[in-house]
Amino acid sequence: MENLFKGLFDTGLTTVISVGDFLLCLIVSLAIGLFLAGTCAFRGQASKSFLITLGILPAVVCVVIMMVNGNIGAGVAVAGAFSLVRFRSAPGTAREIGTIFLAMGAGLIAGMGYLAYAVLFSVIMGLILMALRLLTGDGARQRMLLIVIPEDLNYSDIFDDLFNKYTAEHRLTSVKTSNMGSLYKLHYAIRMKDEKQEKAFIDELRCRNGNLEISIYEREDTINEL
């Protein structure tokens, strides 16, 4: 057991990393990245670009750490190079940023040669993330709901009972007048309790808004995705 959790570069005499050790660290880091990407995609919403980046991030960090191991000058140069990198995308959610730090931590541990610790750390944190997602119920997709109502209908609480019945979360995001002010367009961000009840939800909404337009669609957040 002690040998299993011993670092590959603990001898202190290793000046050149062998090809076998390099490939072993790289393969383990890639496996960790794929595991973390799968964990992030478990009952959650993540863009493809984010999942791909999360899959290769531990391997990138691992290689960087292996190359600068014990070399102060190279470490300073790498720090300066990374300081020039600017992310052109949106900041992202706290969960996404935390997952990125998790992947970087796993890659750093693997780059130091402690592969068993890197795998153990990733498995424990991945299981914790999946358990928390199950407990918080963050599995349902967030979607947008458009309801068109006549101008004489008070929209402040007319749909509250239906939202409480069919949705786990709802939020009015915008109100817009249409057709010379005779109609109102209400935009909601919702999470369905059961997506199989979507048609029943729409049918009951139609009875409240005079059978005017109702639509449910995916959020258009590809521009702001991390």
Protein backbone atom coordinates (compact mmCIF):
# COMPACT_ATOMS: atom_id res chain seq x y z
CA MET A 1 0.00 0.00 0.00
CA GLU A 2 2.85 2.41 0.80
CA ASN A 3 4.48 1.69 -2.55
CA LEU A 4 1.18 2.28 -4.32
CA PHE A 5 0.93 5.83 -2.97
CA LYS A 6 4.61 6.59 -3.43
CA GLY A 7 5.48 9.27 -5.96
CA LEU A 8 7.28 8.36 -9.17
CA PHE A 9 9.83 11.14 -8.63
CA ASP A 10 10.42 10.69 -4.89
CA THR A 11 13.96 9.39 -5.29
CA GLY A 12 15.43 12.88 -5.55
CA LEU A 13 17.95 11.52 -8.07
CA THR A 14 15.72 11.65 -11.12
CA THR A 15 17.03 14.33 -13.44
CA VAL A 16 15.34 13.11 -16.64
CA ILE A 17 11.77 11.83 -16.74
CA SER A 18 11.60 8.53 -18.58
CA VAL A 19 9.26 8.08 -21.50
CA GLY A 20 7.37 5.36 -19.62
CA ASP A 21 6.76 7.58 -16.58
CA PHE A 22 5.73 10.47 -18.82
CA LEU A 23 3.19 8.36 -20.70
CA LEU A 24 1.88 6.82 -17.49
CA CYS A 25 1.26 10.23 -15.92
CA LEU A 26 -0.32 11.49 -19.13
CA ILE A 27 -2.67 8.53 -19.48
CA VAL A 28 -3.75 8.70 -15.83
CA SER A 29 -4.36 12.46 -16.16
CA LEU A 30 -6.47 11.96 -19.28
CA ALA A 31 -8.48 9.25 -17.50
CA ILE A 32 -9.04 11.62 -14.57
CA GLY A 33 -10.15 14.36 -16.96
CA LEU A 34 -12.66 12.08 -18.67
CA PHE A 35 -14.00 11.00 -15.29
CA LEU A 36 -14.43 14.60 -14.15
CA ALA A 37 -16.10 15.54 -17.44
CA GLY A 38 -18.54 12.68 -17.01
CA THR A 39 -19.18 13.77 -13.43
CA CYS A 40 -19.88 17.33 -14.57
CA ALA A 41 -22.27 16.10 -17.28
CA PHE A 42 -24.15 13.89 -14.79
CA ARG A 43 -27.67 15.32 -14.52
CA GLY A 44 -26.37 18.78 -15.32
CA GLN A 45 -26.11 21.34 -18.07
CA ALA A 46 -22.65 21.90 -19.52
CA SER A 47 -21.53 23.00 -22.95
CA LYS A 48 -19.53 20.66 -25.16
CA SER A 49 -16.57 23.04 -25.21
CA PHE A 50 -16.50 23.12 -21.40
CA LEU A 51 -16.59 19.31 -21.16
CA ILE A 52 -13.80 18.94 -23.73
CA THR A 53 -11.66 21.49 -21.90
CA LEU A 54 -12.32 19.77 -18.59
CA GLY A 55 -11.30 16.44 -20.11
CA ILE A 56 -7.85 17.63 -21.24
CA LEU A 57 -7.12 20.16 -18.48
CA PRO A 58 -5.63 17.67 -15.96
CA ALA A 59 -3.26 16.33 -18.64
CA VAL A 60 -2.12 19.85 -19.58
CA VAL A 61 -1.44 20.79 -15.96
CA CYS A 62 0.28 17.45 -15.37
CA VAL A 63 2.70 17.95 -18.27
CA VAL A 64 3.46 21.53 -17.20
CA ILE A 65 4.21 20.44 -13.63
CA MET A 66 6.44 17.60 -14.84
CA MET A 67 8.41 19.93 -17.08
CA VAL A 68 9.04 22.57 -14.38
CA ASN A 69 9.60 20.10 -11.55
CA GLY A 70 12.57 21.43 -9.58
CA ASN A 71 13.39 24.15 -12.12
CA ILE A 72 12.68 27.56 -10.61
CA GLY A 73 13.48 29.46 -13.80
CA ALA A 74 11.11 27.36 -15.88
CA GLY A 75 8.43 27.76 -13.22
CA VAL A 76 8.70 31.56 -13.36
CA ALA A 77 8.57 31.48 -17.17
CA VAL A 78 5.47 29.28 -17.18
CA ALA A 79 3.77 31.55 -14.62
CA GLY A 80 4.48 34.53 -16.86
CA ALA A 81 3.14 32.71 -19.90
CA PHE A 82 -0.07 31.72 -18.16
CA SER A 83 -0.57 35.28 -16.94
CA LEU A 84 -0.88 36.34 -20.60
CA VAL A 85 -3.81 33.99 -21.18
CA ARG A 86 -7.14 35.79 -21.08
CA PHE A 87 -10.44 33.93 -21.13
CA ARG A 88 -12.73 35.41 -23.77
CA SER A 89 -15.84 33.63 -22.52
CA ALA A 90 -18.29 34.39 -19.75
CA PRO A 91 -17.10 33.94 -16.15
CA GLY A 92 -19.30 30.90 -15.66
CA THR A 93 -21.10 29.60 -12.60
CA ALA A 94 -19.51 28.85 -9.24
CA ARG A 95 -19.93 25.12 -9.92
CA GLU A 96 -18.06 25.33 -13.24
CA ILE A 97 -15.22 27.36 -11.73
CA GLY A 98 -14.97 24.91 -8.84
CA THR A 99 -14.81 21.98 -11.26
CA ILE A 100 -11.99 23.68 -13.17
CA PHE A 101 -10.00 24.10 -9.94
CA LEU A 102 -10.71 20.45 -9.16
CA ALA A 103 -9.31 19.35 -12.53
CA MET A 104 -6.25 21.57 -12.10
CA GLY A 105 -5.62 20.14 -8.63
CA ALA A 106 -5.84 16.59 -9.92
CA GLY A 107 -3.44 17.40 -12.76
CA LEU A 108 -0.99 19.02 -10.35
CA ILE A 109 -0.98 15.94 -8.10
CA ALA A 110 -0.43 13.67 -11.10
CA GLY A 111 2.33 15.92 -12.41
CA MET A 112 4.16 15.56 -9.10
CA GLY A 113 4.12 11.79 -9.66
CA TYR A 114 1.54 10.84 -7.03
CA LEU A 115 -0.79 9.04 -9.41
CA ALA A 116 -2.65 7.01 -6.78
CA TYR A 117 -3.36 10.15 -4.76
CA ALA A 118 -4.57 11.92 -7.92
CA VAL A 119 -6.97 9.09 -8.73
CA LEU A 120 -8.17 8.84 -5.12
CA PHE A 121 -8.70 12.61 -4.90
CA SER A 122 -10.64 12.68 -8.18
CA VAL A 123 -12.86 9.73 -7.30
CA ILE A 124 -13.75 11.11 -3.87
CA MET A 125 -14.50 14.62 -5.16
CA GLY A 126 -16.41 13.27 -8.18
CA LEU A 127 -18.64 11.13 -5.99
CA ILE A 128 -19.25 14.08 -3.67
CA LEU A 129 -20.25 16.25 -6.62
CA MET A 130 -22.70 13.63 -7.90
CA ALA A 131 -24.18 13.14 -4.42
CA LEU A 132 -24.65 16.88 -3.96
CA ARG A 133 -26.33 17.14 -7.36
CA LEU A 134 -28.73 14.36 -6.46
CA LEU A 135 -29.52 15.97 -3.10
CA THR A 136 -30.06 19.44 -4.53
CA GLY A 137 -32.15 18.14 -7.42
CA ASP A 138 -30.14 20.02 -10.05
CA GLY A 139 -30.98 17.51 -12.75
CA ALA A 140 -33.89 19.15 -14.53
CA ARG A 141 -33.08 21.40 -17.47
CA GLN A 142 -33.79 25.07 -17.15
CA ARG A 143 -35.98 26.18 -20.03
CA MET A 144 -37.75 29.34 -21.16
CA LEU A 145 -41.51 29.74 -21.17
CA LEU A 146 -43.35 32.34 -23.27
CA ILE A 147 -46.97 33.15 -22.41
CA VAL A 148 -49.04 35.66 -24.38
CA ILE A 149 -51.94 37.16 -22.43
CA PRO A 150 -54.57 39.86 -23.17
CA GLU A 151 -54.02 43.29 -21.68
CA ASP A 152 -56.92 43.02 -19.23
CA LEU A 153 -55.45 39.92 -17.50
CA ASN A 154 -53.46 40.55 -14.30
CA TYR A 155 -50.39 38.35 -14.69
CA SER A 156 -48.91 38.94 -11.22
CA ASP A 157 -50.42 35.81 -9.62
CA ILE A 158 -52.77 34.30 -12.20
CA PHE A 159 -50.42 31.37 -12.95
CA ASP A 160 -48.91 30.81 -9.49
CA ASP A 161 -50.90 27.66 -8.67
CA LEU A 162 -49.92 26.06 -11.99
CA PHE A 163 -46.26 26.94 -11.50
CA ASN A 164 -46.33 25.41 -8.02
CA LYS A 165 -47.98 22.29 -9.40
CA TYR A 166 -45.74 21.63 -12.42
CA THR A 167 -42.44 23.43 -11.87
CA ALA A 168 -39.67 23.09 -9.32
CA GLU A 169 -38.50 26.63 -10.03
CA HIS A 170 -39.94 29.57 -11.92
CA ARG A 171 -38.88 33.17 -12.39
CA LEU A 172 -40.37 35.98 -14.46
CA THR A 173 -37.52 37.36 -16.56
CA SER A 174 -39.22 39.93 -18.79
CA VAL A 175 -42.56 41.49 -19.73
CA LYS A 176 -43.17 42.98 -23.16
CA THR A 177 -46.20 44.57 -24.79
CA SER A 178 -47.25 43.56 -28.30
CA ASN A 179 -49.89 44.26 -30.95
CA MET A 180 -50.26 47.97 -30.09
CA GLY A 181 -50.42 47.21 -26.37
CA SER A 182 -53.36 44.80 -26.60
CA LEU A 183 -51.19 41.81 -25.68
CA TYR A 184 -48.47 41.09 -23.13
CA LYS A 185 -45.61 38.66 -23.65
CA LEU A 186 -44.35 37.08 -20.42
CA HIS A 187 -41.00 35.29 -20.37
CA TYR A 188 -40.27 32.86 -17.53
CA ALA A 189 -37.24 30.72 -16.67
CA ILE A 190 -38.58 27.40 -15.38
CA ARG A 191 -37.51 23.93 -14.27
CA MET A 192 -40.13 21.24 -14.69
CA LYS A 193 -40.74 18.76 -11.88
CA ASP A 194 -41.53 16.12 -14.48
CA GLU A 195 -40.87 16.87 -18.14
CA LYS A 196 -43.46 14.26 -19.12
CA GLN A 197 -46.11 16.63 -17.74
CA GLU A 198 -45.17 19.39 -20.17
CA LYS A 199 -48.27 18.99 -22.35
CA ALA A 200 -50.60 18.99 -19.36
CA PHE A 201 -48.88 22.13 -18.11
CA ILE A 202 -49.38 23.89 -21.44
CA ASP A 203 -53.03 22.77 -21.67
CA GLU A 204 -53.83 24.27 -18.27
CA LEU A 205 -52.00 27.49 -19.16
CA ARG A 206 -54.10 27.78 -22.33
CA CYS A 207 -57.25 27.79 -20.22
CA ARG A 208 -55.92 30.82 -18.34
CA ASN A 209 -54.56 32.97 -21.19
CA GLY A 210 -57.52 32.66 -23.57
CA ASN A 211 -55.82 30.06 -25.81
CA LEU A 212 -53.21 32.55 -26.98
CA GLU A 213 -49.64 31.66 -27.88
CA ILE A 214 -47.58 29.55 -25.42
CA SER A 215 -44.14 28.17 -26.14
CA ILE A 216 -41.42 26.34 -24.19
CA TYR A 217 -37.89 26.41 -25.59
CA GLU A 218 -34.28 25.90 -24.62
CA ARG A 219 -32.27 28.76 -23.20
CA GLU A 220 -30.20 30.58 -25.81
CA ASP A 221 -27.03 30.81 -23.75
CA THR A 222 -24.46 29.48 -26.20
CA ILE A 223 -22.89 32.95 -26.46
CA ASN A 224 -22.43 33.25 -22.71
CA GLU A 225 -21.38 29.69 -22.05
CA LEU A 226 -18.10 28.96 -20.31
